[in-house]
Amino acid sequence: MYAPLTRGRAMPAYPTTFIPCPHCRSRVQASVLAEREYPGDMDTIMTKNVFVECSQCTTVMVGLATWEEDEEGGQGYGYPVRQWPFPDAQLHSNIPSSVRLSLEEAKRCFANDAFMACAVMCGRAIEGLSKDKTKARYLGEGLKKMKAAKIIDDKLFEWGEALRNERNIGAHAGEDTVSYQTANDVLDFSLAIAEYVYVLDEKFKSYKARKGKVFPPQGK
């Protein structure tokens, strides 16, 4: 049975929260207008939908908070992830934690206008990916090895090289900077590479295994 919907700003459980606002482009405080809790069971985690209003620009959003427990016994709902508008996409569980943590950090940097830091964390994520797949020590070396091994194709290699260039701008002192649009592009490139390598490629391998590697002739 779902918990009853709670309305009003005087809620004791969730008067305000922090959520990424698509218009303010940062994690901002938001007033909770309504919430609904979904109790978990043996197979599912307890979650809560929150209907919120940005305290800066009054944008209305819907978020999803998940019940969390830490190693020291603390527990409670984490900050909500935006579900609407412009859902804040969650990283697939197939992506290893070493890569996923860097991508999550890159997303937080971007949300807080730290664009050079975002580029650096994107580079760190794909460097971790290439190390996982090829044992390469450096990003440039790893990209070349992944291309040679056909882990990535020419287009993804080109995206990776662009990402590496912007990572270097962020990582080394100089006059060049990373703009909002460039950081947004680099973040998209890194997410696409990780999704391709760890999710889509594995999914296609499973598909071929089910089909016995037999495909219809081209054009039919």
Protein backbone atom coordinates (compact mmCIF):
# COMPACT_ATOMS: atom_id res chain seq x y z
CA MET A 1 0.00 0.00 0.00
CA TYR A 2 1.44 3.40 -0.96
CA ALA A 3 1.88 6.06 1.67
CA PRO A 4 -0.64 8.92 1.37
CA LEU A 5 0.35 11.92 -0.70
CA THR A 6 1.53 14.78 1.50
CA ARG A 7 1.00 18.38 0.42
CA GLY A 8 2.15 21.79 1.64
CA ARG A 9 5.41 23.44 2.58
CA ALA A 10 5.17 22.57 6.27
CA MET A 11 6.05 18.91 5.77
CA PRO A 12 8.37 17.69 8.54
CA ALA A 13 10.08 15.04 6.36
CA TYR A 14 10.95 17.05 3.25
CA PRO A 15 10.47 20.84 3.62
CA THR A 16 13.34 21.52 1.20
CA THR A 17 15.83 19.48 -0.78
CA PHE A 18 18.60 19.91 -3.33
CA ILE A 19 18.09 18.91 -6.96
CA PRO A 20 19.76 19.80 -10.29
CA CYS A 21 17.72 22.58 -11.93
CA PRO A 22 17.82 22.51 -15.76
CA HIS A 23 17.43 26.29 -15.96
CA CYS A 24 19.76 27.41 -13.16
CA ARG A 25 22.28 24.77 -14.37
CA SER A 26 23.28 23.87 -10.83
CA ARG A 27 22.14 21.88 -7.80
CA VAL A 28 19.84 24.29 -6.02
CA GLN A 29 17.60 24.30 -2.99
CA ALA A 30 14.00 23.55 -3.86
CA SER A 31 10.77 23.70 -1.89
CA VAL A 32 8.92 20.40 -1.73
CA LEU A 33 5.30 20.87 -2.75
CA ALA A 34 4.25 17.22 -2.53
CA GLU A 35 5.76 13.77 -2.08
CA ARG A 36 4.76 10.14 -2.30
CA GLU A 37 6.67 7.25 -0.73
CA TYR A 38 6.89 3.78 -2.24
CA PRO A 39 7.78 1.24 0.48
CA GLY A 40 10.27 -1.39 -0.62
CA ASP A 41 10.18 -5.14 -0.14
CA MET A 42 12.62 -8.04 -0.38
CA ASP A 43 13.41 -7.21 -4.01
CA THR A 44 13.06 -3.44 -4.26
CA ILE A 45 14.51 -0.42 -2.48
CA MET A 46 12.26 2.12 -0.83
CA THR A 47 11.91 5.24 -2.97
CA LYS A 48 10.10 8.55 -2.84
CA ASN A 49 8.84 10.85 -5.62
CA VAL A 50 9.02 14.55 -4.80
CA PHE A 51 7.28 17.42 -6.57
CA VAL A 52 9.46 20.49 -6.06
CA GLU A 53 9.86 24.14 -7.04
CA CYS A 54 13.29 25.74 -7.59
CA SER A 55 13.82 28.49 -5.02
CA GLN A 56 15.74 30.62 -7.54
CA CYS A 57 13.76 30.47 -10.80
CA THR A 58 10.51 28.74 -9.65
CA THR A 59 10.95 25.92 -12.17
CA VAL A 60 8.78 22.96 -11.17
CA MET A 61 10.43 19.52 -11.18
CA VAL A 62 9.73 15.92 -10.26
CA GLY A 63 12.52 13.99 -8.58
CA LEU A 64 13.13 10.47 -7.32
CA ALA A 65 14.92 9.90 -4.01
CA THR A 66 16.23 6.49 -2.97
CA TRP A 67 16.58 5.14 0.56
CA GLU A 68 20.26 4.77 1.40
CA GLU A 69 22.31 3.24 4.19
CA ASP A 70 26.00 3.96 4.82
CA GLU A 71 28.73 1.81 6.36
CA GLU A 72 28.35 3.50 9.75
CA GLY A 73 24.69 2.61 10.09
CA GLY A 74 23.27 5.95 8.98
CA GLN A 75 20.18 5.80 6.79
CA GLY A 76 17.73 8.06 5.03
CA TYR A 77 16.74 9.37 1.62
CA GLY A 78 19.46 10.73 -0.61
CA TYR A 79 19.05 13.85 -2.72
CA PRO A 80 16.48 13.30 -5.49
CA VAL A 81 17.44 12.69 -9.09
CA ARG A 82 15.48 14.80 -11.58
CA GLN A 83 12.91 12.75 -13.51
CA TRP A 84 11.13 15.68 -15.19
CA PRO A 85 11.74 17.90 -17.06
CA PHE A 86 14.88 16.74 -18.92
CA PRO A 87 15.56 13.60 -16.85
CA ASP A 88 18.98 13.41 -15.25
CA ALA A 89 19.99 10.06 -16.77
CA GLN A 90 21.46 7.50 -14.42
CA LEU A 91 24.54 5.51 -15.37
CA HIS A 92 24.04 1.85 -16.21
CA SER A 93 25.06 -0.64 -13.54
CA ASN A 94 27.28 -2.45 -16.08
CA ILE A 95 29.71 0.48 -15.99
CA PRO A 96 32.42 -0.36 -13.40
CA SER A 97 32.53 1.75 -10.27
CA SER A 98 36.02 3.06 -11.14
CA VAL A 99 34.59 4.61 -14.32
CA ARG A 100 31.14 5.42 -12.97
CA LEU A 101 32.46 7.46 -10.03
CA SER A 102 34.48 9.70 -12.37
CA LEU A 103 31.48 10.20 -14.65
CA GLU A 104 29.26 11.08 -11.70
CA GLU A 105 31.89 13.56 -10.51
CA ALA A 106 32.03 15.04 -14.03
CA LYS A 107 28.25 15.50 -14.00
CA ARG A 108 28.43 17.28 -10.63
CA CYS A 109 31.21 19.56 -11.88
CA PHE A 110 29.18 20.46 -14.96
CA ALA A 111 26.06 21.15 -12.88
CA ASN A 112 28.09 23.61 -10.77
CA ASP A 113 29.72 25.42 -13.73
CA ALA A 114 33.16 23.90 -13.04
CA PHE A 115 33.73 23.23 -16.73
CA MET A 116 37.49 22.61 -16.72
CA ALA A 117 37.06 20.23 -13.79
CA CYS A 118 34.29 18.50 -15.73
CA ALA A 119 36.64 17.94 -18.68
CA VAL A 120 39.33 16.59 -16.36
CA MET A 121 36.94 14.09 -14.76
CA CYS A 122 35.65 13.00 -18.19
CA GLY A 123 39.24 12.29 -19.19
CA ARG A 124 39.79 10.38 -15.96
CA ALA A 125 36.70 8.27 -16.64
CA ILE A 126 37.75 7.24 -20.16
CA GLU A 127 41.34 6.73 -19.02
CA GLY A 128 39.93 4.31 -16.42
CA LEU A 129 37.88 2.62 -19.13
CA SER A 130 40.89 2.19 -21.42
CA LYS A 131 42.98 0.88 -18.53
CA ASP A 132 40.25 -1.65 -17.73
CA LYS A 133 40.07 -2.84 -21.34
CA THR A 134 43.71 -2.62 -22.49
CA LYS A 135 45.88 -2.10 -19.36
CA ALA A 136 47.14 1.13 -20.95
CA ARG A 137 48.72 3.62 -18.56
CA TYR A 138 47.65 6.79 -20.36
CA LEU A 139 44.53 7.97 -22.14
CA GLY A 140 46.16 8.54 -25.55
CA GLU A 141 47.76 5.10 -25.49
CA GLY A 142 44.52 3.52 -24.34
CA LEU A 143 42.45 5.09 -27.10
CA LYS A 144 44.86 3.78 -29.75
CA LYS A 145 44.86 0.29 -28.25
CA MET A 146 41.06 0.20 -28.03
CA LYS A 147 40.77 1.29 -31.66
CA ALA A 148 43.30 -1.35 -32.77
CA ALA A 149 41.43 -4.02 -30.81
CA LYS A 150 38.10 -2.82 -32.29
CA ILE A 151 36.72 -2.07 -28.84
CA ILE A 152 35.83 1.36 -30.23
CA ASP A 153 35.38 2.41 -33.86
CA ASP A 154 36.88 5.37 -35.74
CA LYS A 155 34.12 7.75 -34.67
CA LEU A 156 34.44 6.96 -30.96
CA PHE A 157 38.21 7.21 -31.27
CA GLU A 158 37.76 10.71 -32.73
CA TRP A 159 35.45 11.64 -29.86
CA GLY A 160 38.01 10.27 -27.40
CA GLU A 161 40.79 12.36 -28.94
CA ALA A 162 38.65 15.50 -28.67
CA LEU A 163 37.94 14.61 -25.06
CA ARG A 164 41.66 14.08 -24.39
CA ASN A 165 42.47 17.52 -25.80
CA GLU A 166 39.91 19.26 -23.57
CA ARG A 167 41.08 17.21 -20.57
CA ASN A 168 44.61 18.51 -21.15
CA ILE A 169 43.35 22.11 -21.20
CA GLY A 170 41.71 21.58 -17.83
CA ALA A 171 44.60 19.65 -16.33
CA HIS A 172 47.50 21.92 -17.29
CA ALA A 173 48.08 25.59 -16.49
CA GLY A 174 47.57 27.94 -19.42
CA GLU A 175 45.43 30.64 -20.95
CA ASP A 176 42.88 28.33 -22.62
CA THR A 177 39.60 27.55 -20.87
CA VAL A 178 36.72 25.10 -21.32
CA SER A 179 33.37 26.69 -22.13
CA TYR A 180 29.91 25.55 -21.07
CA GLN A 181 29.16 24.15 -24.52
CA THR A 182 32.51 22.37 -24.78
CA ALA A 183 32.12 20.80 -21.34
CA ASN A 184 28.61 19.69 -22.31
CA ASP A 185 29.96 18.09 -25.50
CA VAL A 186 32.84 16.37 -23.71
CA LEU A 187 30.50 15.01 -21.05
CA ASP A 188 28.22 13.63 -23.75
CA PHE A 189 31.22 12.05 -25.53
CA SER A 190 32.45 10.33 -22.37
CA LEU A 191 28.99 9.05 -21.46
CA ALA A 192 28.49 7.73 -25.00
CA ILE A 193 31.84 5.91 -25.01
CA ALA A 194 31.15 4.28 -21.64
CA GLU A 195 27.62 3.33 -22.71
CA TYR A 196 28.88 1.84 -25.99
CA VAL A 197 31.71 -0.20 -24.46
CA TYR A 198 30.00 -1.52 -21.34
CA VAL A 199 26.32 -1.64 -22.27
CA LEU A 200 25.54 -1.66 -26.00
CA ASP A 201 28.46 -3.85 -27.06
CA GLU A 202 27.67 -6.41 -24.34
CA LYS A 203 24.01 -6.33 -25.32
CA PHE A 204 24.89 -7.01 -28.97
CA LYS A 205 27.17 -9.89 -27.96
CA SER A 206 24.26 -11.42 -26.06
CA TYR A 207 22.01 -10.90 -29.07
CA LYS A 208 24.48 -12.70 -31.37
CA ALA A 209 24.80 -15.55 -28.90
CA ARG A 210 21.01 -16.01 -28.82
CA LYS A 211 20.78 -15.91 -32.60
CA GLY A 212 23.69 -18.26 -33.10
CA LYS A 213 25.54 -15.56 -35.06
CA VAL A 214 23.21 -16.11 -38.03
CA PHE A 215 21.99 -12.92 -39.71
CA PRO A 216 19.74 -12.48 -42.76
CA PRO A 217 21.46 -11.34 -45.99
CA GLN A 218 21.78 -7.61 -46.44
CA GLY A 219 18.83 -5.95 -48.16
CA LYS A 220 16.30 -8.60 -47.12
